[in-house]
Amino acid sequence: MQNEADKAIAWRRYILASSAYHCSQLEGDFVECGVYRGTGIKTVIDYFGKDQFTKTFWGYDTYDYNPVEGHAFEGQNDGLYAEICKRFDGYPQVRLVKGLLPESLVGNSPEKIAYLHIDLNNAEFEVAVLNALFDRVVPGGMVILDDYEWAGIYRAQKIAEDAWFHARGYHVFPLPTGQGLLIKR
């Protein structure tokens, strides 16, 4: 039986897949910062039909540990990276990069980005990723902020991201799924 949380996740994944369809028409690679178990990447690629998805999809995470205090994820310990690599056997378009962001982007990131999904659960890390990658997002490219409208420990993300985007003349579209969506001009 599906509960409300399951339904919410389904809609969140649908936003990723729909955004990906738009972005697949653009120049540039796909990027997800905060991969955890790879569900976001797999949702997008499988939505297209694995072999029909021709973009390179970069996935950044610490994988084996969580640097965000008070935000532990089940199974995020030694061995998770190997598990996720195995999950993407047969997905040659996926490049998983292990390390702390934004440092792990150096020498391991695309020059042009069509789709940027950020799910780091931490305002400081998310703004650092925006500083490093936003200028690489092509016009018409999309940025999806996974926890943008959530309350509690996530509220600092919205406040920091609103200020960051406002300084650049942008406004994030809040979605009823709790995500935020931005289309680059």
Protein backbone atom coordinates (compact mmCIF):
# COMPACT_ATOMS: atom_id res chain seq x y z
CA MET A 1 0.00 0.00 0.00
CA GLN A 2 1.24 3.45 -0.87
CA ASN A 3 1.28 6.15 1.83
CA GLU A 4 1.39 9.93 1.49
CA ALA A 5 5.20 10.01 1.71
CA ASP A 6 5.42 7.47 -1.14
CA LYS A 7 3.08 9.60 -3.23
CA ALA A 8 5.13 12.72 -2.51
CA ILE A 9 8.32 10.98 -3.61
CA ALA A 10 6.59 9.85 -6.80
CA TRP A 11 5.67 13.44 -7.65
CA ARG A 12 9.18 14.66 -6.80
CA ARG A 13 10.64 12.07 -9.18
CA TYR A 14 8.11 13.06 -11.84
CA ILE A 15 9.38 16.66 -11.60
CA LEU A 16 12.92 15.38 -12.18
CA ALA A 17 11.88 13.28 -15.18
CA SER A 18 9.80 16.07 -16.75
CA SER A 19 12.58 18.61 -16.26
CA ALA A 20 15.04 16.13 -17.74
CA TYR A 21 12.91 15.74 -20.85
CA HIS A 22 13.09 19.51 -21.44
CA CYS A 23 16.82 19.59 -20.72
CA SER A 24 17.58 16.64 -23.00
CA GLN A 25 16.88 18.96 -25.92
CA LEU A 26 19.68 21.31 -24.81
CA GLU A 27 23.43 21.27 -25.12
CA GLY A 28 25.21 20.12 -21.97
CA ASP A 29 25.44 17.27 -19.50
CA PHE A 30 23.24 16.33 -16.55
CA VAL A 31 24.49 16.78 -12.98
CA GLU A 32 23.15 15.58 -9.64
CA CYS A 33 24.81 16.78 -6.44
CA GLY A 34 23.71 14.56 -3.58
CA VAL A 35 23.14 11.13 -5.12
CA TYR A 36 22.66 8.95 -2.02
CA ARG A 37 21.35 5.68 -3.53
CA GLY A 38 21.07 6.98 -7.10
CA THR A 39 17.28 7.06 -7.30
CA GLY A 40 17.17 10.49 -8.95
CA ILE A 41 19.66 9.56 -11.67
CA LYS A 42 18.03 6.19 -12.30
CA THR A 43 14.56 7.75 -12.45
CA VAL A 44 15.66 10.18 -15.16
CA ILE A 45 17.56 7.68 -17.30
CA ASP A 46 14.92 4.96 -17.05
CA TYR A 47 12.20 7.51 -17.89
CA PHE A 48 13.83 7.88 -21.30
CA GLY A 49 14.56 4.18 -21.68
CA LYS A 50 18.07 3.45 -20.51
CA ASP A 51 19.67 3.16 -23.95
CA GLN A 52 17.85 6.20 -25.36
CA PHE A 53 19.37 8.53 -22.76
CA THR A 54 22.50 9.77 -24.53
CA LYS A 55 23.66 12.56 -22.22
CA THR A 56 26.46 12.11 -19.72
CA PHE A 57 24.99 12.11 -16.20
CA TRP A 58 27.40 13.13 -13.45
CA GLY A 59 26.62 12.06 -9.88
CA TYR A 60 28.46 13.69 -6.96
CA ASP A 61 28.29 12.52 -3.36
CA THR A 62 30.46 11.54 -0.43
CA TYR A 63 28.58 8.21 -0.64
CA ASP A 64 30.24 6.43 2.30
CA TYR A 65 29.62 9.13 4.91
CA ASN A 66 27.41 12.16 5.46
CA PRO A 67 29.16 15.43 6.34
CA VAL A 68 25.87 17.13 7.33
CA GLU A 69 25.50 16.95 11.09
CA GLY A 70 22.12 15.73 12.26
CA HIS A 71 21.11 14.44 8.85
CA ALA A 72 22.20 10.82 8.70
CA PHE A 73 20.86 8.51 6.01
CA GLU A 74 20.38 4.79 6.48
CA GLY A 75 23.16 2.84 4.82
CA GLN A 76 25.39 5.83 4.18
CA ASN A 77 28.56 4.17 5.40
CA ASP A 78 31.52 2.20 4.06
CA GLY A 79 30.46 0.24 1.02
CA LEU A 80 27.68 2.50 -0.28
CA TYR A 81 29.82 3.85 -3.12
CA ALA A 82 30.58 0.31 -4.33
CA GLU A 83 26.87 -0.54 -4.08
CA ILE A 84 25.89 2.49 -6.17
CA CYS A 85 28.60 1.78 -8.75
CA LYS A 86 27.18 -1.72 -9.08
CA ARG A 87 23.66 -0.30 -9.44
CA PHE A 88 24.85 1.62 -12.50
CA ASP A 89 26.67 -1.27 -14.18
CA GLY A 90 25.36 -1.20 -17.72
CA TYR A 91 24.77 2.57 -17.61
CA PRO A 92 27.82 3.86 -19.51
CA GLN A 93 26.45 7.40 -19.49
CA VAL A 94 26.73 7.67 -15.67
CA ARG A 95 29.89 9.06 -14.07
CA LEU A 96 29.92 8.81 -10.29
CA VAL A 97 32.37 11.09 -8.49
CA LYS A 98 33.12 10.42 -4.83
CA GLY A 99 34.15 13.29 -2.58
CA LEU A 100 33.13 16.40 -0.72
CA LEU A 101 31.54 19.19 -2.75
CA PRO A 102 32.55 21.59 -4.17
CA GLU A 103 36.14 20.26 -4.07
CA SER A 104 35.27 17.07 -5.95
CA LEU A 105 34.15 19.14 -8.96
CA VAL A 106 37.72 20.22 -9.72
CA GLY A 107 38.83 18.35 -12.83
CA ASN A 108 35.72 16.13 -12.67
CA SER A 109 32.86 18.20 -14.02
CA PRO A 110 31.32 19.19 -17.33
CA GLU A 111 31.88 22.55 -19.01
CA LYS A 112 28.21 22.83 -20.03
CA ILE A 113 25.24 21.74 -17.95
CA ALA A 114 21.66 21.33 -19.16
CA TYR A 115 20.22 19.89 -15.93
CA LEU A 116 21.42 20.54 -12.38
CA HIS A 117 19.73 18.78 -9.45
CA ILE A 118 21.02 19.82 -6.01
CA ASP A 119 20.12 17.73 -2.96
CA LEU A 120 22.85 18.27 -0.37
CA ASN A 121 20.60 19.06 2.62
CA ASN A 122 22.90 21.90 3.68
CA ALA A 123 22.76 25.59 2.77
CA GLU A 124 26.53 26.15 2.80
CA PHE A 125 27.28 23.21 0.49
CA GLU A 126 24.40 24.02 -1.86
CA VAL A 127 25.46 27.65 -2.27
CA ALA A 128 29.06 26.51 -2.84
CA VAL A 129 27.83 24.23 -5.64
CA LEU A 130 25.82 27.08 -7.15
CA ASN A 131 28.96 29.25 -7.06
CA ALA A 132 30.92 26.53 -8.84
CA LEU A 133 28.36 25.36 -11.42
CA PHE A 134 25.61 27.88 -12.13
CA ASP A 135 27.58 29.79 -14.76
CA ARG A 136 27.98 26.50 -16.65
CA VAL A 137 24.21 25.96 -16.90
CA VAL A 138 23.21 26.73 -20.48
CA PRO A 139 20.35 29.13 -21.31
CA GLY A 140 17.11 27.19 -20.93
CA GLY A 141 18.82 24.74 -18.57
CA MET A 142 17.09 23.89 -15.33
CA VAL A 143 18.18 23.90 -11.71
CA ILE A 144 16.13 21.77 -9.33
CA LEU A 145 16.62 22.45 -5.61
CA ASP A 146 15.37 19.31 -3.92
CA ASP A 147 14.53 20.57 -0.43
CA TYR A 148 13.80 24.21 -1.27
CA GLU A 149 10.35 24.58 0.33
CA TRP A 150 10.78 22.20 3.25
CA ALA A 151 10.67 23.56 6.79
CA GLY A 152 12.77 22.67 9.80
CA ILE A 153 16.43 21.96 9.16
CA TYR A 154 15.97 22.71 5.45
CA ARG A 155 14.72 26.30 5.87
CA ALA A 156 18.27 27.69 5.88
CA GLN A 157 18.69 26.36 2.33
CA LYS A 158 15.74 28.38 1.00
CA ILE A 159 16.90 31.55 2.74
CA ALA A 160 20.46 31.23 1.43
CA GLU A 161 19.38 30.22 -2.09
CA ASP A 162 16.80 33.01 -2.34
CA ALA A 163 19.49 35.56 -1.47
CA TRP A 164 21.95 33.98 -3.91
CA PHE A 165 19.49 33.96 -6.82
CA HIS A 166 18.05 37.40 -5.99
CA ALA A 167 21.55 38.90 -6.24
CA ARG A 168 21.63 37.55 -9.81
CA GLY A 169 18.14 38.71 -10.79
CA TYR A 170 16.44 35.31 -10.52
CA HIS A 171 13.44 34.00 -8.60
CA VAL A 172 13.07 30.30 -7.78
CA PHE A 173 9.66 28.77 -8.57
CA PRO A 174 8.46 27.00 -5.41
CA LEU A 175 6.73 23.71 -6.23
CA PRO A 176 4.08 21.93 -4.15
CA THR A 177 6.45 18.94 -3.94
CA GLY A 178 8.81 21.01 -1.76
CA GLN A 179 11.30 21.40 -4.59
CA GLY A 180 12.38 24.66 -6.19
CA LEU A 181 12.77 25.08 -9.94
CA LEU A 182 14.73 27.66 -11.87
CA ILE A 183 15.18 28.06 -15.62
CA LYS A 184 18.44 29.76 -16.62
CA ARG A 185 18.18 32.76 -18.92
